[in-house]
Amino acid sequence: PARARCGFGMYFEEGYGLDHWITEYRHDGEDRWVRVDTE
């Protein structure tokens, strides 16, 4: 199970949210969605 997510990276420039997309996948063992900055 996976999802692409559209939003903002908060770690590129301090104090700013920069337009970005990441990938989420479902971690079965931990029963949660894990966010991965694929790029």
All heavy atoms as atom14 arrays in JSON, in Angstrom:
{
  "sequence": "PARARCGFGMYFEEGYGLDHWITEYRHDGEDRWVRVDTE",
  "atom14_mask": [
    [1, 1, 1, 1, 1, 1, 1, 0, 0, 0, 0, 0, 0, 0],
    [1, 1, 1, 1, 1, 0, 0, 0, 0, 0, 0, 0, 0, 0],
    [1, 1, 1, 1, 1, 1, 1, 1, 1, 1, 1, 0, 0, 0],
    [1, 1, 1, 1, 1, 0, 0, 0, 0, 0, 0, 0, 0, 0],
    [1, 1, 1, 1, 1, 1, 1, 1, 1, 1, 1, 0, 0, 0],
    [1, 1, 1, 1, 1, 1, 0, 0, 0, 0, 0, 0, 0, 0],
    [1, 1, 1, 1, 0, 0, 0, 0, 0, 0, 0, 0, 0, 0],
    [1, 1, 1, 1, 1, 1, 1, 1, 1, 1, 1, 0, 0, 0],
    [1, 1, 1, 1, 0, 0, 0, 0, 0, 0, 0, 0, 0, 0],
    [1, 1, 1, 1, 1, 1, 1, 1, 0, 0, 0, 0, 0, 0],
    [1, 1, 1, 1, 1, 1, 1, 1, 1, 1, 1, 1, 0, 0],
    [1, 1, 1, 1, 1, 1, 1, 1, 1, 1, 1, 0, 0, 0],
    [1, 1, 1, 1, 1, 1, 1, 1, 1, 0, 0, 0, 0, 0],
    [1, 1, 1, 1, 1, 1, 1, 1, 1, 0, 0, 0, 0, 0],
    [1, 1, 1, 1, 0, 0, 0, 0, 0, 0, 0, 0, 0, 0],
    [1, 1, 1, 1, 1, 1, 1, 1, 1, 1, 1, 1, 0, 0],
    [1, 1, 1, 1, 0, 0, 0, 0, 0, 0, 0, 0, 0, 0],
    [1, 1, 1, 1, 1, 1, 1, 1, 0, 0, 0, 0, 0, 0],
    [1, 1, 1, 1, 1, 1, 1, 1, 0, 0, 0, 0, 0, 0],
    [1, 1, 1, 1, 1, 1, 1, 1, 1, 1, 0, 0, 0, 0],
    [1, 1, 1, 1, 1, 1, 1, 1, 1, 1, 1, 1, 1, 1],
    [1, 1, 1, 1, 1, 1, 1, 1, 0, 0, 0, 0, 0, 0],
    [1, 1, 1, 1, 1, 1, 1, 0, 0, 0, 0, 0, 0, 0],
    [1, 1, 1, 1, 1, 1, 1, 1, 1, 0, 0, 0, 0, 0],
    [1, 1, 1, 1, 1, 1, 1, 1, 1, 1, 1, 1, 0, 0],
    [1, 1, 1, 1, 1, 1, 1, 1, 1, 1, 1, 0, 0, 0],
    [1, 1, 1, 1, 1, 1, 1, 1, 1, 1, 0, 0, 0, 0],
    [1, 1, 1, 1, 1, 1, 1, 1, 0, 0, 0, 0, 0, 0],
    [1, 1, 1, 1, 0, 0, 0, 0, 0, 0, 0, 0, 0, 0],
    [1, 1, 1, 1, 1, 1, 1, 1, 1, 0, 0, 0, 0, 0],
    [1, 1, 1, 1, 1, 1, 1, 1, 0, 0, 0, 0, 0, 0],
    [1, 1, 1, 1, 1, 1, 1, 1, 1, 1, 1, 0, 0, 0],
    [1, 1, 1, 1, 1, 1, 1, 1, 1, 1, 1, 1, 1, 1],
    [1, 1, 1, 1, 1, 1, 1, 0, 0, 0, 0, 0, 0, 0],
    [1, 1, 1, 1, 1, 1, 1, 1, 1, 1, 1, 0, 0, 0],
    [1, 1, 1, 1, 1, 1, 1, 0, 0, 0, 0, 0, 0, 0],
    [1, 1, 1, 1, 1, 1, 1, 1, 0, 0, 0, 0, 0, 0],
    [1, 1, 1, 1, 1, 1, 1, 0, 0, 0, 0, 0, 0, 0],
    [1, 1, 1, 1, 1, 1, 1, 1, 1, 0, 0, 0, 0, 0]
  ],
  "atom14_positions": [
    [[0.84, -1.2, 0.0], [0.0, 0.0, 0.0], [0.87, 1.25, 0.0], [1.79, 1.39, 0.81], [-0.8, -0.13, 1.3], [-0.76, -1.59, 1.63], [0.57, -2.08, 1.15], [0.0, 0.0, 0.0], [0.0, 0.0, 0.0], [0.0, 0.0, 0.0], [0.0, 0.0, 0.0], [0.0, 0.0, 0.0], [0.0, 0.0, 0.0], [0.0, 0.0, 0.0]],
    [[0.58, 2.16, -0.92], [1.42, 3.35, -1.08], [0.58, 4.52, -1.58], [-0.43, 4.33, -2.26], [2.56, 3.07, -2.06], [0.0, 0.0, 0.0], [0.0, 0.0, 0.0], [0.0, 0.0, 0.0], [0.0, 0.0, 0.0], [0.0, 0.0, 0.0], [0.0, 0.0, 0.0], [0.0, 0.0, 0.0], [0.0, 0.0, 0.0], [0.0, 0.0, 0.0]],
    [[1.05, 5.73, -1.24], [0.38, 6.96, -1.66], [1.43, 8.01, -1.97], [2.44, 8.11, -1.26], [-0.55, 7.5, -0.56], [-1.44, 6.46, 0.06], [-2.43, 7.01, 1.06], [-1.84, 7.52, 2.28], [-2.44, 7.49, 3.48], [-3.65, 6.94, 3.59], [-1.88, 8.0, 4.54], [0.0, 0.0, 0.0], [0.0, 0.0, 0.0], [0.0, 0.0, 0.0]],
    [[1.21, 8.8, -3.0], [1.98, 10.01, -3.22], [1.28, 11.14, -2.48], [0.05, 11.21, -2.47], [2.09, 10.32, -4.71], [0.0, 0.0, 0.0], [0.0, 0.0, 0.0], [0.0, 0.0, 0.0], [0.0, 0.0, 0.0], [0.0, 0.0, 0.0], [0.0, 0.0, 0.0], [0.0, 0.0, 0.0], [0.0, 0.0, 0.0], [0.0, 0.0, 0.0]],
    [[2.06, 12.02, -1.84], [1.48, 13.12, -1.08], [2.07, 14.44, -1.55], [3.28, 14.58, -1.75], [1.75, 12.96, 0.43], [1.25, 11.67, 1.05], [-0.24, 11.43, 0.89], [-1.07, 12.47, 1.45], [-1.6, 12.44, 2.68], [-1.34, 11.41, 3.48], [-2.39, 13.42, 3.1], [0.0, 0.0, 0.0], [0.0, 0.0, 0.0], [0.0, 0.0, 0.0]],
    [[1.19, 15.42, -1.69], [1.57, 16.76, -2.14], [1.5, 17.73, -0.96], [0.49, 17.77, -0.25], [0.62, 17.22, -3.25], [0.93, 18.9, -3.83], [0.0, 0.0, 0.0], [0.0, 0.0, 0.0], [0.0, 0.0, 0.0], [0.0, 0.0, 0.0], [0.0, 0.0, 0.0], [0.0, 0.0, 0.0], [0.0, 0.0, 0.0], [0.0, 0.0, 0.0]],
    [[2.55, 18.49, -0.76], [2.56, 19.44, 0.35], [3.81, 20.28, 0.37], [4.22, 20.82, -0.66], [0.0, 0.0, 0.0], [0.0, 0.0, 0.0], [0.0, 0.0, 0.0], [0.0, 0.0, 0.0], [0.0, 0.0, 0.0], [0.0, 0.0, 0.0], [0.0, 0.0, 0.0], [0.0, 0.0, 0.0], [0.0, 0.0, 0.0], [0.0, 0.0, 0.0]],
    [[4.46, 20.3, 1.53], [5.6, 21.2, 1.73], [6.66, 20.55, 2.62], [6.35, 20.03, 3.71], [5.13, 22.5, 2.4], [4.09, 23.24, 1.6], [2.73, 22.99, 1.8], [4.46, 24.16, 0.62], [1.77, 23.65, 1.06], [3.49, 24.81, -0.13], [2.15, 24.57, 0.08], [0.0, 0.0, 0.0], [0.0, 0.0, 0.0], [0.0, 0.0, 0.0]],
    [[7.91, 20.59, 2.15], [9.03, 20.16, 2.97], [9.43, 21.29, 3.91], [9.61, 22.43, 3.47], [0.0, 0.0, 0.0], [0.0, 0.0, 0.0], [0.0, 0.0, 0.0], [0.0, 0.0, 0.0], [0.0, 0.0, 0.0], [0.0, 0.0, 0.0], [0.0, 0.0, 0.0], [0.0, 0.0, 0.0], [0.0, 0.0, 0.0], [0.0, 0.0, 0.0]],
    [[9.58, 20.95, 5.18], [9.89, 21.97, 6.19], [11.38, 21.97, 6.55], [11.78, 22.69, 7.47], [9.05, 21.71, 7.45], [7.55, 21.65, 7.2], [6.89, 23.15, 6.43], [7.19, 24.36, 7.72], [0.0, 0.0, 0.0], [0.0, 0.0, 0.0], [0.0, 0.0, 0.0], [0.0, 0.0, 0.0], [0.0, 0.0, 0.0], [0.0, 0.0, 0.0]],
    [[12.19, 21.19, 5.84], [13.58, 21.0, 6.21], [14.58, 21.54, 5.18], [15.79, 21.4, 5.36], [13.87, 19.52, 6.47], [13.22, 18.57, 5.49], [13.78, 18.29, 4.25], [12.02, 17.95, 5.81], [13.17, 17.42, 3.37], [11.4, 17.07, 4.95], [11.98, 16.81, 3.71], [11.36, 15.94, 2.84], [0.0, 0.0, 0.0], [0.0, 0.0, 0.0]],
    [[14.1, 22.13, 4.13], [15.02, 22.64, 3.11], [15.6, 24.0, 3.49], [16.77, 24.29, 3.24], [14.31, 22.75, 1.75], [13.82, 21.43, 1.23], [12.46, 21.19, 1.09], [14.7, 20.43, 0.88], [11.99, 19.98, 0.61], [14.25, 19.21, 0.4], [12.89, 18.99, 0.27], [0.0, 0.0, 0.0], [0.0, 0.0, 0.0], [0.0, 0.0, 0.0]],
    [[14.77, 24.84, 4.06], [15.19, 26.19, 4.45], [14.47, 26.54, 5.75], [13.23, 26.53, 5.8], [14.84, 27.2, 3.35], [15.4, 28.57, 3.59], [15.2, 29.5, 2.4], [14.85, 29.02, 1.3], [15.39, 30.71, 2.58], [0.0, 0.0, 0.0], [0.0, 0.0, 0.0], [0.0, 0.0, 0.0], [0.0, 0.0, 0.0], [0.0, 0.0, 0.0]],
    [[15.23, 26.85, 6.77], [14.66, 27.06, 8.09], [13.59, 28.15, 8.07], [13.79, 29.24, 7.54], [15.75, 27.46, 9.09], [15.26, 27.54, 10.52], [16.37, 27.8, 11.52], [17.54, 27.85, 11.1], [16.06, 27.93, 12.72], [0.0, 0.0, 0.0], [0.0, 0.0, 0.0], [0.0, 0.0, 0.0], [0.0, 0.0, 0.0], [0.0, 0.0, 0.0]],
    [[12.44, 27.82, 8.64], [11.36, 28.78, 8.74], [10.46, 28.84, 7.53], [9.51, 29.64, 7.5], [0.0, 0.0, 0.0], [0.0, 0.0, 0.0], [0.0, 0.0, 0.0], [0.0, 0.0, 0.0], [0.0, 0.0, 0.0], [0.0, 0.0, 0.0], [0.0, 0.0, 0.0], [0.0, 0.0, 0.0], [0.0, 0.0, 0.0], [0.0, 0.0, 0.0]],
    [[10.71, 27.99, 6.52], [9.92, 28.03, 5.29], [9.39, 26.64, 4.95], [10.04, 25.63, 5.23], [10.77, 28.54, 4.12], [11.09, 30.0, 4.21], [12.2, 30.44, 4.93], [10.27, 30.95, 3.61], [12.49, 31.79, 5.03], [10.56, 32.31, 3.7], [11.67, 32.72, 4.42], [11.96, 34.05, 4.52], [0.0, 0.0, 0.0], [0.0, 0.0, 0.0]],
    [[8.22, 26.61, 4.33], [7.66, 25.39, 3.78], [7.76, 25.45, 2.27], [7.14, 26.32, 1.64], [0.0, 0.0, 0.0], [0.0, 0.0, 0.0], [0.0, 0.0, 0.0], [0.0, 0.0, 0.0], [0.0, 0.0, 0.0], [0.0, 0.0, 0.0], [0.0, 0.0, 0.0], [0.0, 0.0, 0.0], [0.0, 0.0, 0.0], [0.0, 0.0, 0.0]],
    [[8.54, 24.54, 1.68], [8.78, 24.57, 0.24], [8.01, 23.45, -0.45], [8.02, 22.29, -0.01], [10.28, 24.45, -0.05], [11.17, 25.55, 0.55], [12.6, 25.41, 0.06], [10.62, 26.94, 0.25], [0.0, 0.0, 0.0], [0.0, 0.0, 0.0], [0.0, 0.0, 0.0], [0.0, 0.0, 0.0], [0.0, 0.0, 0.0], [0.0, 0.0, 0.0]],
    [[7.36, 23.83, -1.53], [6.54, 22.92, -2.33], [7.28, 21.61, -2.58], [8.42, 21.62, -3.05], [6.22, 23.62, -3.66], [5.4, 22.75, -4.58], [4.17, 22.73, -4.43], [6.0, 22.11, -5.47], [0.0, 0.0, 0.0], [0.0, 0.0, 0.0], [0.0, 0.0, 0.0], [0.0, 0.0, 0.0], [0.0, 0.0, 0.0], [0.0, 0.0, 0.0]],
    [[6.62, 20.48, -2.29], [7.32, 19.2, -2.41], [6.31, 18.06, -2.43], [5.17, 18.21, -1.98], [8.29, 19.03, -1.24], [9.31, 17.97, -1.45], [10.0, 17.81, -2.63], [9.79, 16.98, -0.61], [10.86, 16.81, -2.53], [10.73, 16.29, -1.32], [0.0, 0.0, 0.0], [0.0, 0.0, 0.0], [0.0, 0.0, 0.0], [0.0, 0.0, 0.0]],
    [[6.74, 16.92, -2.99], [5.97, 15.68, -2.97], [6.82, 14.58, -2.33], [8.04, 14.54, -2.53], [5.61, 15.22, -4.38], [4.57, 16.02, -5.09], [4.65, 17.33, -5.48], [3.3, 15.55, -5.54], [3.51, 17.7, -6.15], [2.66, 16.63, -6.19], [2.64, 14.33, -5.46], [1.4, 16.52, -6.76], [1.38, 14.21, -6.03], [0.77, 15.3, -6.67]],
    [[6.19, 13.7, -1.59], [6.85, 12.55, -1.01], [6.01, 11.29, -1.27], [4.91, 11.37, -1.82], [7.06, 12.72, 0.51], [5.69, 12.83, 1.21], [7.95, 13.92, 0.83], [5.71, 12.5, 2.68], [0.0, 0.0, 0.0], [0.0, 0.0, 0.0], [0.0, 0.0, 0.0], [0.0, 0.0, 0.0], [0.0, 0.0, 0.0], [0.0, 0.0, 0.0]],
    [[6.56, 10.15, -0.84], [5.86, 8.88, -0.94], [5.55, 8.37, 0.46], [6.36, 8.52, 1.37], [6.74, 7.83, -1.65], [7.27, 8.39, -2.85], [5.96, 6.58, -1.98], [0.0, 0.0, 0.0], [0.0, 0.0, 0.0], [0.0, 0.0, 0.0], [0.0, 0.0, 0.0], [0.0, 0.0, 0.0], [0.0, 0.0, 0.0], [0.0, 0.0, 0.0]],
    [[4.38, 7.78, 0.63], [4.02, 7.07, 1.86], [3.82, 5.6, 1.55], [3.27, 5.25, 0.5], [2.71, 7.6, 2.46], [2.8, 8.97, 3.08], [1.49, 9.39, 3.72], [0.42, 8.88, 3.32], [1.53, 10.25, 4.62], [0.0, 0.0, 0.0], [0.0, 0.0, 0.0], [0.0, 0.0, 0.0], [0.0, 0.0, 0.0], [0.0, 0.0, 0.0]],
    [[4.25, 4.72, 2.47], [3.9, 3.31, 2.36], [3.41, 2.82, 3.72], [3.75, 3.38, 4.76], [5.08, 2.47, 1.87], [6.18, 2.26, 2.88], [6.16, 1.17, 3.75], [7.25, 3.15, 2.98], [7.16, 0.97, 4.69], [8.27, 2.96, 3.91], [8.22, 1.86, 4.75], [9.22, 1.68, 5.7], [0.0, 0.0, 0.0], [0.0, 0.0, 0.0]],
    [[2.61, 1.79, 3.69], [2.04, 1.25, 4.91], [2.98, 0.22, 5.51], [3.33, -0.77, 4.86], [0.67, 0.61, 4.63], [-0.06, 0.15, 5.88], [-0.58, 1.32, 6.66], [-1.32, 0.89, 7.85], [-1.85, 1.74, 8.72], [-1.76, 3.05, 8.5], [-2.5, 1.3, 9.78], [0.0, 0.0, 0.0], [0.0, 0.0, 0.0], [0.0, 0.0, 0.0]],
    [[3.4, 0.47, 6.75], [4.26, -0.46, 7.47], [3.36, -1.41, 8.26], [2.79, -1.03, 9.28], [5.19, 0.32, 8.41], [6.32, -0.49, 8.98], [6.12, -1.63, 9.72], [7.67, -0.32, 8.89], [7.29, -2.13, 10.09], [8.25, -1.35, 9.6], [0.0, 0.0, 0.0], [0.0, 0.0, 0.0], [0.0, 0.0, 0.0], [0.0, 0.0, 0.0]],
    [[3.26, -2.64, 7.79], [2.34, -3.59, 8.41], [2.72, -3.88, 9.86], [1.86, -3.92, 10.75], [2.33, -4.91, 7.61], [1.54, -4.78, 6.32], [0.7, -3.87, 6.24], [1.76, -5.59, 5.41], [0.0, 0.0, 0.0], [0.0, 0.0, 0.0], [0.0, 0.0, 0.0], [0.0, 0.0, 0.0], [0.0, 0.0, 0.0], [0.0, 0.0, 0.0]],
    [[4.01, -4.07, 10.11], [4.43, -4.44, 11.44], [4.16, -3.38, 12.48], [3.93, -3.69, 13.66], [0.0, 0.0, 0.0], [0.0, 0.0, 0.0], [0.0, 0.0, 0.0], [0.0, 0.0, 0.0], [0.0, 0.0, 0.0], [0.0, 0.0, 0.0], [0.0, 0.0, 0.0], [0.0, 0.0, 0.0], [0.0, 0.0, 0.0], [0.0, 0.0, 0.0]],
    [[4.19, -2.11, 12.07], [3.99, -1.01, 13.01], [2.63, -0.35, 12.84], [2.32, 0.61, 13.56], [5.11, 0.01, 12.84], [6.49, -0.57, 13.13], [7.61, 0.44, 12.94], [7.3, 1.63, 12.68], [8.78, 0.05, 13.04], [0.0, 0.0, 0.0], [0.0, 0.0, 0.0], [0.0, 0.0, 0.0], [0.0, 0.0, 0.0], [0.0, 0.0, 0.0]],
    [[1.83, -0.83, 11.89], [0.47, -0.33, 11.68], [0.46, 1.19, 11.52], [-0.3, 1.9, 12.19], [-0.45, -0.75, 12.83], [-1.92, -0.53, 12.5], [-2.27, -0.58, 11.31], [-2.71, -0.27, 13.43], [0.0, 0.0, 0.0], [0.0, 0.0, 0.0], [0.0, 0.0, 0.0], [0.0, 0.0, 0.0], [0.0, 0.0, 0.0], [0.0, 0.0, 0.0]],
    [[1.3, 1.7, 10.62], [1.35, 3.15, 10.39], [1.82, 3.4, 8.96], [2.4, 2.54, 8.3], [2.31, 3.84, 11.37], [3.78, 3.48, 11.17], [4.65, 4.12, 12.24], [6.07, 3.76, 12.07], [6.98, 4.56, 11.51], [6.63, 5.77, 11.06], [8.25, 4.17, 11.39], [0.0, 0.0, 0.0], [0.0, 0.0, 0.0], [0.0, 0.0, 0.0]],
    [[1.57, 4.62, 8.5], [2.07, 5.09, 7.22], [3.43, 5.75, 7.43], [3.57, 6.62, 8.28], [1.1, 6.08, 6.58], [-0.17, 5.43, 6.11], [-1.35, 5.32, 6.79], [-0.37, 4.79, 4.85], [-2.28, 4.65, 6.03], [-1.71, 4.33, 4.82], [0.43, 4.58, 3.73], [-2.25, 3.66, 3.74], [-0.11, 3.91, 2.64], [-1.44, 3.45, 2.65]],
    [[4.41, 5.31, 6.66], [5.77, 5.85, 6.75], [5.98, 6.81, 5.58], [5.68, 6.48, 4.43], [6.81, 4.72, 6.69], [8.23, 5.29, 6.75], [6.58, 3.72, 7.81], [0.0, 0.0, 0.0], [0.0, 0.0, 0.0], [0.0, 0.0, 0.0], [0.0, 0.0, 0.0], [0.0, 0.0, 0.0], [0.0, 0.0, 0.0], [0.0, 0.0, 0.0]],
    [[6.49, 8.0, 5.9], [6.73, 9.01, 4.87], [8.19, 8.97, 4.43], [9.09, 9.04, 5.27], [6.36, 10.4, 5.41], [4.86, 10.55, 5.61], [4.44, 11.93, 6.08], [2.99, 12.04, 6.02], [2.3, 13.12, 6.38], [2.94, 14.21, 6.82], [0.98, 13.13, 6.28], [0.0, 0.0, 0.0], [0.0, 0.0, 0.0], [0.0, 0.0, 0.0]],
    [[8.38, 8.88, 3.12], [9.72, 8.78, 2.55], [9.92, 9.92, 1.55], [9.1, 10.11, 0.65], [9.91, 7.43, 1.81], [11.32, 7.33, 1.24], [9.61, 6.26, 2.75], [0.0, 0.0, 0.0], [0.0, 0.0, 0.0], [0.0, 0.0, 0.0], [0.0, 0.0, 0.0], [0.0, 0.0, 0.0], [0.0, 0.0, 0.0], [0.0, 0.0, 0.0]],
    [[11.0, 10.68, 1.73], [11.36, 11.68, 0.73], [12.16, 10.97, -0.35], [13.39, 10.89, -0.3], [12.17, 12.82, 1.35], [12.39, 13.96, 0.37], [12.29, 13.73, -0.86], [12.66, 15.09, 0.81], [0.0, 0.0, 0.0], [0.0, 0.0, 0.0], [0.0, 0.0, 0.0], [0.0, 0.0, 0.0], [0.0, 0.0, 0.0], [0.0, 0.0, 0.0]],
    [[11.45, 10.43, -1.32], [12.07, 9.6, -2.34], [13.16, 10.35, -3.1], [14.24, 9.81, -3.35], [10.99, 9.09, -3.32], [10.05, 8.3, -2.6], [11.6, 8.26, -4.43], [0.0, 0.0, 0.0], [0.0, 0.0, 0.0], [0.0, 0.0, 0.0], [0.0, 0.0, 0.0], [0.0, 0.0, 0.0], [0.0, 0.0, 0.0], [0.0, 0.0, 0.0]],
    [[12.89, 11.59, -3.45], [13.87, 12.35, -4.22], [15.17, 12.55, -3.46], [16.25, 12.58, -4.06], [13.29, 13.72, -4.6], [14.25, 14.57, -5.42], [13.73, 15.97, -5.71], [12.6, 16.28, -5.3], [14.47, 16.75, -6.34], [0.0, 0.0, 0.0], [0.0, 0.0, 0.0], [0.0, 0.0, 0.0], [0.0, 0.0, 0.0], [0.0, 0.0, 0.0]]
  ]
}
